[in-house]
C-alpha atoms as a PDB file:
ATOM      1  CA  MET A   1      92.755  81.407-106.777  1.00  0.00           C
ATOM      2  CA  LYS A   2      91.383  84.971-106.646  1.00  0.00           C
ATOM      3  CA  LEU A   3      94.016  86.101-109.152  1.00  0.00           C
ATOM      4  CA  ALA A   4      93.022  83.337-111.552  1.00  0.00           C
ATOM      5  CA  LEU A   5      89.333  84.261-111.312  1.00  0.00           C
ATOM      6  CA  ALA A   6      90.106  87.954-111.918  1.00  0.00           C
ATOM      7  CA  LEU A   7      92.229  87.115-114.955  1.00  0.00           C
ATOM      8  CA  ALA A   8      89.452  84.935-116.371  1.00  0.00           C
ATOM      9  CA  ALA A   9      86.931  87.757-115.929  1.00  0.00           C
ATOM     10  CA  VAL A  10      89.206  90.197-117.780  1.00  0.00           C
ATOM     11  CA  LEU A  11      89.644  87.748-120.659  1.00  0.00           C
ATOM     12  CA  LEU A  12      85.878  87.169-120.825  1.00  0.00           C
ATOM     13  CA  VAL A  13      85.141  90.922-121.022  1.00  0.00           C
ATOM     14  CA  ALA A  14      87.777  91.394-123.700  1.00  0.00           C
ATOM     15  CA  ALA A  15      86.342  88.544-125.766  1.00  0.00           C
ATOM     16  CA  CYS A  16      82.803  89.938-125.518  1.00  0.00           C
ATOM     17  CA  GLY A  17      84.012  93.376-126.563  1.00  0.00           C
ATOM     18  CA  SER A  18      85.783  91.900-129.567  1.00  0.00           C
ATOM     19  CA  ASP A  19      82.686  89.975-130.700  1.00  0.00           C
ATOM     20  CA  SER A  20      80.489  93.033-130.332  1.00  0.00           C
ATOM     21  CA  GLY A  21      82.795  95.133-132.481  1.00  0.00           C
ATOM     22  CA  THR A  22      82.822  92.495-135.195  1.00  0.00           C
ATOM     23  CA  THR A  23      79.063  92.029-135.477  1.00  0.00           C
ATOM     24  CA  ALA A  24      78.305  95.774-135.380  1.00  0.00           C
ATOM     25  CA  THR A  25      80.314  96.428-138.529  1.00  0.00           C
ATOM     26  CA  ASP A  26      78.237  96.218-141.735  1.00  0.00           C
ATOM     27  CA  PRO A  27      79.824  98.275-144.487  1.00  0.00           C
ATOM     28  CA  ALA A  28      77.348  97.110-147.141  1.00  0.00           C
ATOM     29  CA  GLY A  29      74.340  98.064-145.047  1.00  0.00           C
ATOM     30  CA  ALA A  30      75.806 101.435-144.129  1.00  0.00           C
ATOM     31  CA  ALA A  31      76.240 102.284-147.826  1.00  0.00           C
ATOM     32  CA  SER A  32      72.555 101.802-148.670  1.00  0.00           C
ATOM     33  CA  PRO A  33      70.413 104.962-148.699  1.00  0.00           C
ATOM     34  CA  THR A  34      67.840 105.028-145.911  1.00  0.00           C
ATOM     35  CA  ALA A  35      66.137 108.292-146.893  1.00  0.00           C
ATOM     36  CA  VAL A  36      65.098 110.051-150.067  1.00  0.00           C
ATOM     37  CA  PRO A  37      68.202 111.792-151.468  1.00  0.00           C
ATOM     38  CA  ALA A  38      68.382 115.573-151.782  1.00  0.00           C
ATOM     39  CA  ALA A  39      69.016 117.160-155.171  1.00  0.00           C
ATOM     40  CA  PRO A  40      72.240 119.128-155.752  1.00  0.00           C
ATOM     41  CA  GLY A  41      70.479 121.743-157.894  1.00  0.00           C
ATOM     42  CA  GLN A  42      67.174 122.668-159.470  1.00  0.00           C
ATOM     43  CA  VAL A  43      64.626 119.946-160.213  1.00  0.00           C
ATOM     44  CA  ARG A  44      61.290 119.703-162.005  1.00  0.00           C
ATOM     45  CA  THR A  45      58.506 117.175-162.119  1.00  0.00           C
ATOM     46  CA  ARG A  46      59.097 114.593-164.823  1.00  0.00           C
ATOM     47  CA  ALA A  47      55.461 114.836-165.877  1.00  0.00           C
ATOM     48  CA  ILE A  48      52.364 116.826-165.002  1.00  0.00           C
ATOM     49  CA  ALA A  49      51.678 116.523-161.269  1.00  0.00           C
ATOM     50  CA  THR A  50      48.839 117.611-159.016  1.00  0.00           C
ATOM     51  CA  VAL A  51      49.397 120.342-156.456  1.00  0.00           C
ATOM     52  CA  MET A  52      46.814 119.800-153.710  1.00  0.00           C
ATOM     53  CA  GLU A  53      46.004 121.963-150.713  1.00  0.00           C
ATOM     54  CA  THR A  54      43.714 120.900-147.915  1.00  0.00           C
ATOM     55  CA  GLY A  55      45.601 122.946-145.341  1.00  0.00           C
ATOM     56  CA  SER A  56      49.037 123.451-146.857  1.00  0.00           C
ATOM     57  CA  PRO A  57      50.229 122.781-150.445  1.00  0.00           C
ATOM     58  CA  GLU A  58      51.484 119.299-151.274  1.00  0.00           C
ATOM     59  CA  LEU A  59      52.926 117.853-154.478  1.00  0.00           C
ATOM     60  CA  CYS A  60      51.171 114.601-155.334  1.00  0.00           C
ATOM     61  CA  LEU A  61      53.727 112.320-156.961  1.00  0.00           C
ATOM     62  CA  GLY A  62      51.776 109.082-156.575  1.00  0.00           C
ATOM     63  CA  ALA A  63      48.217 108.016-157.235  1.00  0.00           C
ATOM     64  CA  VAL A  64      45.369 110.541-157.220  1.00  0.00           C
ATOM     65  CA  ALA A  65      41.922 109.309-156.201  1.00  0.00           C
ATOM     66  CA  GLU A  66      39.269 110.356-158.721  1.00  0.00           C
ATOM     67  CA  SER A  67      36.802 111.771-156.202  1.00  0.00           C
ATOM     68  CA  TRP A  68      35.428 115.283-155.782  1.00  0.00           C
ATOM     69  CA  PRO A  69      37.566 116.879-154.695  1.00  0.00           C
ATOM     70  CA  PRO A  70      40.365 114.472-155.653  1.00  0.00           C
ATOM     71  CA  GLN A  71      42.412 112.982-152.858  1.00  0.00           C
ATOM     72  CA  CYS A  72      46.176 112.632-152.828  1.00  0.00           C
ATOM     73  CA  SER A  73      49.185 113.514-150.745  1.00  0.00           C
ATOM     74  CA  GLY A  74      52.871 114.096-151.170  1.00  0.00           C
ATOM     75  CA  PRO A  75      55.817 116.194-150.041  1.00  0.00           C
ATOM     76  CA  PRO A  76      55.099 119.774-148.943  1.00  0.00           C
ATOM     77  CA  VAL A  77      55.624 122.628-151.406  1.00  0.00           C
ATOM     78  CA  ASP A  78      57.229 125.629-149.736  1.00  0.00           C
ATOM     79  CA  GLY A  79      56.521 129.029-151.301  1.00  0.00           C
ATOM     80  CA  TRP A  80      53.495 128.019-153.365  1.00  0.00           C
ATOM     81  CA  ASP A  81      51.076 130.922-153.892  1.00  0.00           C
ATOM     82  CA  TRP A  82      47.703 130.214-155.515  1.00  0.00           C
ATOM     83  CA  THR A  83      47.259 133.884-156.443  1.00  0.00           C
ATOM     84  CA  ARG A  84      50.053 133.419-158.988  1.00  0.00           C
ATOM     85  CA  HIS A  85      48.030 130.687-160.691  1.00  0.00           C
ATOM     86  CA  GLU A  86      44.571 132.179-160.962  1.00  0.00           C
ATOM     87  CA  GLY A  87      42.444 130.435-163.565  1.00  0.00           C
ATOM     88  CA  THR A  88      44.543 127.272-163.558  1.00  0.00           C
ATOM     89  CA  TYR A  89      43.159 125.482-160.491  1.00  0.00           C
ATOM     90  CA  GLN A  90      39.870 124.228-159.080  1.00  0.00           C
ATOM     91  CA  LYS A  91      38.350 124.783-155.678  1.00  0.00           C
ATOM     92  CA  SER A  92      35.850 122.963-153.470  1.00  0.00           C
ATOM     93  CA  ASP A  93      35.201 124.592-150.104  1.00  0.00           C
ATOM     94  CA  SER A  94      38.670 125.042-148.592  1.00  0.00           C
ATOM     95  CA  THR A  95      40.387 122.531-150.918  1.00  0.00           C
ATOM     96  CA  ARG A  96      42.298 123.762-153.966  1.00  0.00           C
ATOM     97  CA  TRP A  97      44.117 121.752-156.600  1.00  0.00           C
ATOM     98  CA  GLY A  98      45.591 122.032-160.066  1.00  0.00           C
ATOM     99  CA  GLN A  99      47.919 120.221-162.452  1.00  0.00           C
ATOM    100  CA  TYR A 100      51.342 121.632-163.227  1.00  0.00           C
ATOM    101  CA  VAL A 101      54.909 120.894-164.190  1.00  0.00           C
ATOM    102  CA  VAL A 102      56.629 122.313-161.130  1.00  0.00           C
ATOM    103  CA  THR A 103      60.226 123.536-160.828  1.00  0.00           C
ATOM    104  CA  GLY A 104      62.109 124.131-157.602  1.00  0.00           C
ATOM    105  CA  THR A 105      64.740 122.769-155.263  1.00  0.00           C
ATOM    106  CA  TRP A 106      64.498 119.516-153.326  1.00  0.00           C
ATOM    107  CA  ASP A 107      66.102 118.939-149.911  1.00  0.00           C
ATOM    108  CA  GLY A 108      64.946 115.352-149.494  1.00  0.00           C
ATOM    109  CA  THR A 109      61.660 116.193-147.776  1.00  0.00           C
ATOM    110  CA  THR A 110      60.328 119.503-149.178  1.00  0.00           C
ATOM    111  CA  LEU A 111      60.106 121.037-152.634  1.00  0.00           C
ATOM    112  CA  THR A 112      60.815 124.771-152.532  1.00  0.00           C
ATOM    113  CA  TYR A 113      58.769 126.330-155.330  1.00  0.00           C
ATOM    114  CA  GLU A 114      60.397 128.402-158.070  1.00  0.00           C
ATOM    115  CA  ASP A 115      58.077 128.133-161.089  1.00  0.00           C
ATOM    116  CA  ALA A 116      55.189 126.137-162.542  1.00  0.00           C
ATOM    117  CA  VAL A 117      53.699 125.555-165.995  1.00  0.00           C
ATOM    118  CA  PRO A 118      49.976 124.711-166.017  1.00  0.00           C
ATOM    119  CA  GLY A 119      49.249 121.240-167.313  1.00  0.00           C
ATOM    120  CA  ALA A 120      47.032 122.632-170.078  1.00  0.00           C
ATOM    121  CA  ALA A 121      49.987 124.606-171.470  1.00  0.00           C
ATOM    122  CA  TYR A 122      52.502 121.758-171.291  1.00  0.00           C
ATOM    123  CA  ASP A 123      53.278 119.468-174.221  1.00  0.00           C
ATOM    124  CA  PRO A 124      54.091 115.971-172.898  1.00  0.00           C
ATOM    125  CA  MET A 125      55.234 114.950-176.384  1.00  0.00           C
ATOM    126  CA  ALA A 126      58.282 117.147-175.824  1.00  0.00           C
ATOM    127  CA  GLU A 127      59.586 114.546-173.384  1.00  0.00           C
ATOM    128  CA  PRO A 128      61.781 111.863-175.010  1.00  0.00           C
ATOM    129  CA  SER A 129      60.620 108.272-174.772  1.00  0.00           C
ATOM    130  CA  PRO A 130      62.516 106.405-172.030  1.00  0.00           C
ATOM    131  CA  THR A 131      65.064 103.767-172.960  1.00  0.00           C
ATOM    132  CA  TYR A 132      66.210 101.075-170.554  1.00  0.00           C
ATOM    133  CA  PRO A 133      69.348  98.926-170.509  1.00  0.00           C
ATOM    134  CA  PRO A 134      68.883  95.177-171.053  1.00  0.00           C
ATOM    135  CA  PRO A 135      68.796  93.246-167.772  1.00  0.00           C
ATOM    136  CA  SER A 136      72.073  91.551-166.908  1.00  0.00           C
ATOM    137  CA  VAL A 137      70.208  88.731-165.117  1.00  0.00           C
ATOM    138  CA  GLU A 138      67.089  86.998-166.399  1.00  0.00           C
ATOM    139  CA  HIS A 139      64.226  86.287-163.987  1.00  0.00           C
ATOM    140  CA  THR A 140      60.872  84.596-164.237  1.00  0.00           C
ATOM    141  CA  ARG A 141      57.809  86.820-163.988  1.00  0.00           C
ATOM    142  CA  ALA A 142      57.119  85.470-160.505  1.00  0.00           C
ATOM    143  CA  GLU A 143      60.658  86.381-159.420  1.00  0.00           C
ATOM    144  CA  LEU A 144      60.272  89.844-160.922  1.00  0.00           C
ATOM    145  CA  GLN A 145      57.007  90.310-159.052  1.00  0.00           C
ATOM    146  CA  ASP A 146      58.740  89.394-155.797  1.00  0.00           C
ATOM    147  CA  ILE A 147      61.440  91.970-156.574  1.00  0.00           C
ATOM    148  CA  ALA A 148      58.780  94.575-157.403  1.00  0.00           C
ATOM    149  CA  ASP A 149      57.043  93.928-154.094  1.00  0.00           C
ATOM    150  CA  GLU A 150      60.344  94.261-152.255  1.00  0.00           C
ATOM    151  CA  VAL A 151      61.624  97.469-153.859  1.00  0.00           C
ATOM    152  CA  GLY A 152      58.164  99.029-153.807  1.00  0.00           C
ATOM    153  CA  ARG A 153      58.134  98.501-150.049  1.00  0.00           C
ATOM    154  CA  ASP A 154      61.752  99.135-149.078  1.00  0.00           C
ATOM    155  CA  LEU A 155      63.371 101.601-151.491  1.00  0.00           C
ATOM    156  CA  PRO A 156      63.440 105.144-150.038  1.00  0.00           C
ATOM    157  CA  GLY A 157      60.742 107.310-151.587  1.00  0.00           C
ATOM    158  CA  ALA A 158      59.151 104.446-153.527  1.00  0.00           C
ATOM    159  CA  GLN A 159      55.702 105.279-154.876  1.00  0.00           C
ATOM    160  CA  GLY A 160      55.073 101.823-156.333  1.00  0.00           C
ATOM    161  CA  ALA A 161      56.705  99.202-158.548  1.00  0.00           C
ATOM    162  CA  SER A 162      55.553  97.010-161.417  1.00  0.00           C
ATOM    163  CA  VAL A 163      56.855  94.333-163.754  1.00  0.00           C
ATOM    164  CA  ASP A 164      57.546  95.646-167.254  1.00  0.00           C
ATOM    165  CA  GLY A 165      58.536  92.818-169.561  1.00  0.00           C
ATOM    166  CA  ARG A 166      61.935  91.537-168.432  1.00  0.00           C
ATOM    167  CA  ARG A 167      62.460  94.176-165.750  1.00  0.00           C
ATOM    168  CA  VAL A 168      60.919  96.002-162.808  1.00  0.00           C
ATOM    169  CA  LEU A 169      60.125  99.700-162.911  1.00  0.00           C
ATOM    170  CA  VAL A 170      60.009 101.420-159.528  1.00  0.00           C
ATOM    171  CA  ASP A 171      58.654 104.956-159.182  1.00  0.00           C
ATOM    172  CA  VAL A 172      60.459 107.052-156.577  1.00  0.00           C
ATOM    173  CA  VAL A 173      60.334 110.689-155.511  1.00  0.00           C
ATOM    174  CA  TYR A 174      63.933 111.528-156.492  1.00  0.00           C
ATOM    175  CA  ASP A 175      67.187 109.711-157.209  1.00  0.00           C
ATOM    176  CA  ASP A 176      70.639 111.246-157.242  1.00  0.00           C
ATOM    177  CA  GLY A 177      71.976 107.963-158.625  1.00  0.00           C
ATOM    178  CA  SER A 178      72.441 106.242-155.279  1.00  0.00           C
ATOM    179  CA  LEU A 179      69.121 104.374-155.440  1.00  0.00           C
ATOM    180  CA  GLN A 180      69.860 103.024-158.916  1.00  0.00           C
ATOM    181  CA  ASP A 181      73.329 101.972-157.752  1.00  0.00           C
ATOM    182  CA  GLN A 182      71.740 100.167-154.810  1.00  0.00           C
ATOM    183  CA  VAL A 183      69.298  98.107-156.886  1.00  0.00           C
ATOM    184  CA  ASP A 184      71.947  97.393-159.539  1.00  0.00           C
ATOM    185  CA  GLU A 185      74.206  95.952-156.853  1.00  0.00           C
ATOM    186  CA  GLN A 186      71.395  93.997-155.232  1.00  0.00           C
ATOM    187  CA  TYR A 187      69.594  92.583-158.283  1.00  0.00           C
ATOM    188  CA  GLY A 188      71.933  93.059-161.237  1.00  0.00           C
ATOM    189  CA  GLU A 189      72.178  95.915-163.701  1.00  0.00           C
ATOM    190  CA  GLY A 190      69.019  96.625-165.656  1.00  0.00           C
ATOM    191  CA  VAL A 191      66.822  94.297-163.621  1.00  0.00           C
ATOM    192  CA  VAL A 192      65.292  97.188-161.665  1.00  0.00           C
ATOM    193  CA  VAL A 193      64.994 100.637-163.247  1.00  0.00           C
ATOM    194  CA  VAL A 194      64.445 103.574-160.897  1.00  0.00           C
ATOM    195  CA  VAL A 195      62.038 106.148-162.354  1.00  0.00           C
ATOM    196  CA  PRO A 196      62.116 109.400-160.345  1.00  0.00           C
ATOM    197  CA  ALA A 197      59.155 111.781-160.301  1.00  0.00           C
ATOM    198  CA  LEU A 198      61.528 114.718-159.763  1.00  0.00           C
ATOM    199  CA  VAL A 199      64.357 115.027-162.264  1.00  0.00           C
ATOM    200  CA  ASP A 200      67.342 117.360-162.447  1.00  0.00           C
ATOM    201  CA  SER A 201      66.645 120.425-164.582  1.00  0.00           C
ATOM    202  CA  GLU A 202      68.933 120.799-167.556  1.00  0.00           C
END
């Protein structure tokens, strides 16, 4: 009788261990990025961005509140020196800010400064107009709005998302291609277009 009970206990433990191993495996989930990717080389801001310092320099890649001084936040900028940009920024008490196209390296959390062009000296018309692939799956506007809400909340580094015609545009800090691959797999190619604020320098 004791031998039978011991054998049953061993079988029960083995079965539980087998179930646990099965449910813990999720290859699809493991492949999805959970953090903002790092860049393999030099990057620059896609457009003019605000560098703001209220204690340490930050690169504002999202919305900027139109107050005085303006209010915004973003990833830290390592190596930024205001003395190299005299005459190109504004100051209110201890707060300093200016608009620049910034170049540097990106490790996923911090931009290490290398160079900056003041916004007043930058020609945005030099940037080519974006082109987007046609969506492979058609959605109603309500469905697209639901997708925009989801990716704007869940995609690593998302700064916001909006419906643009037949697709969703989602602004992110940086994409090495993995974020676009993720939304293509989840929603269909061309349904969601990832628009990074930091782009690889050519």
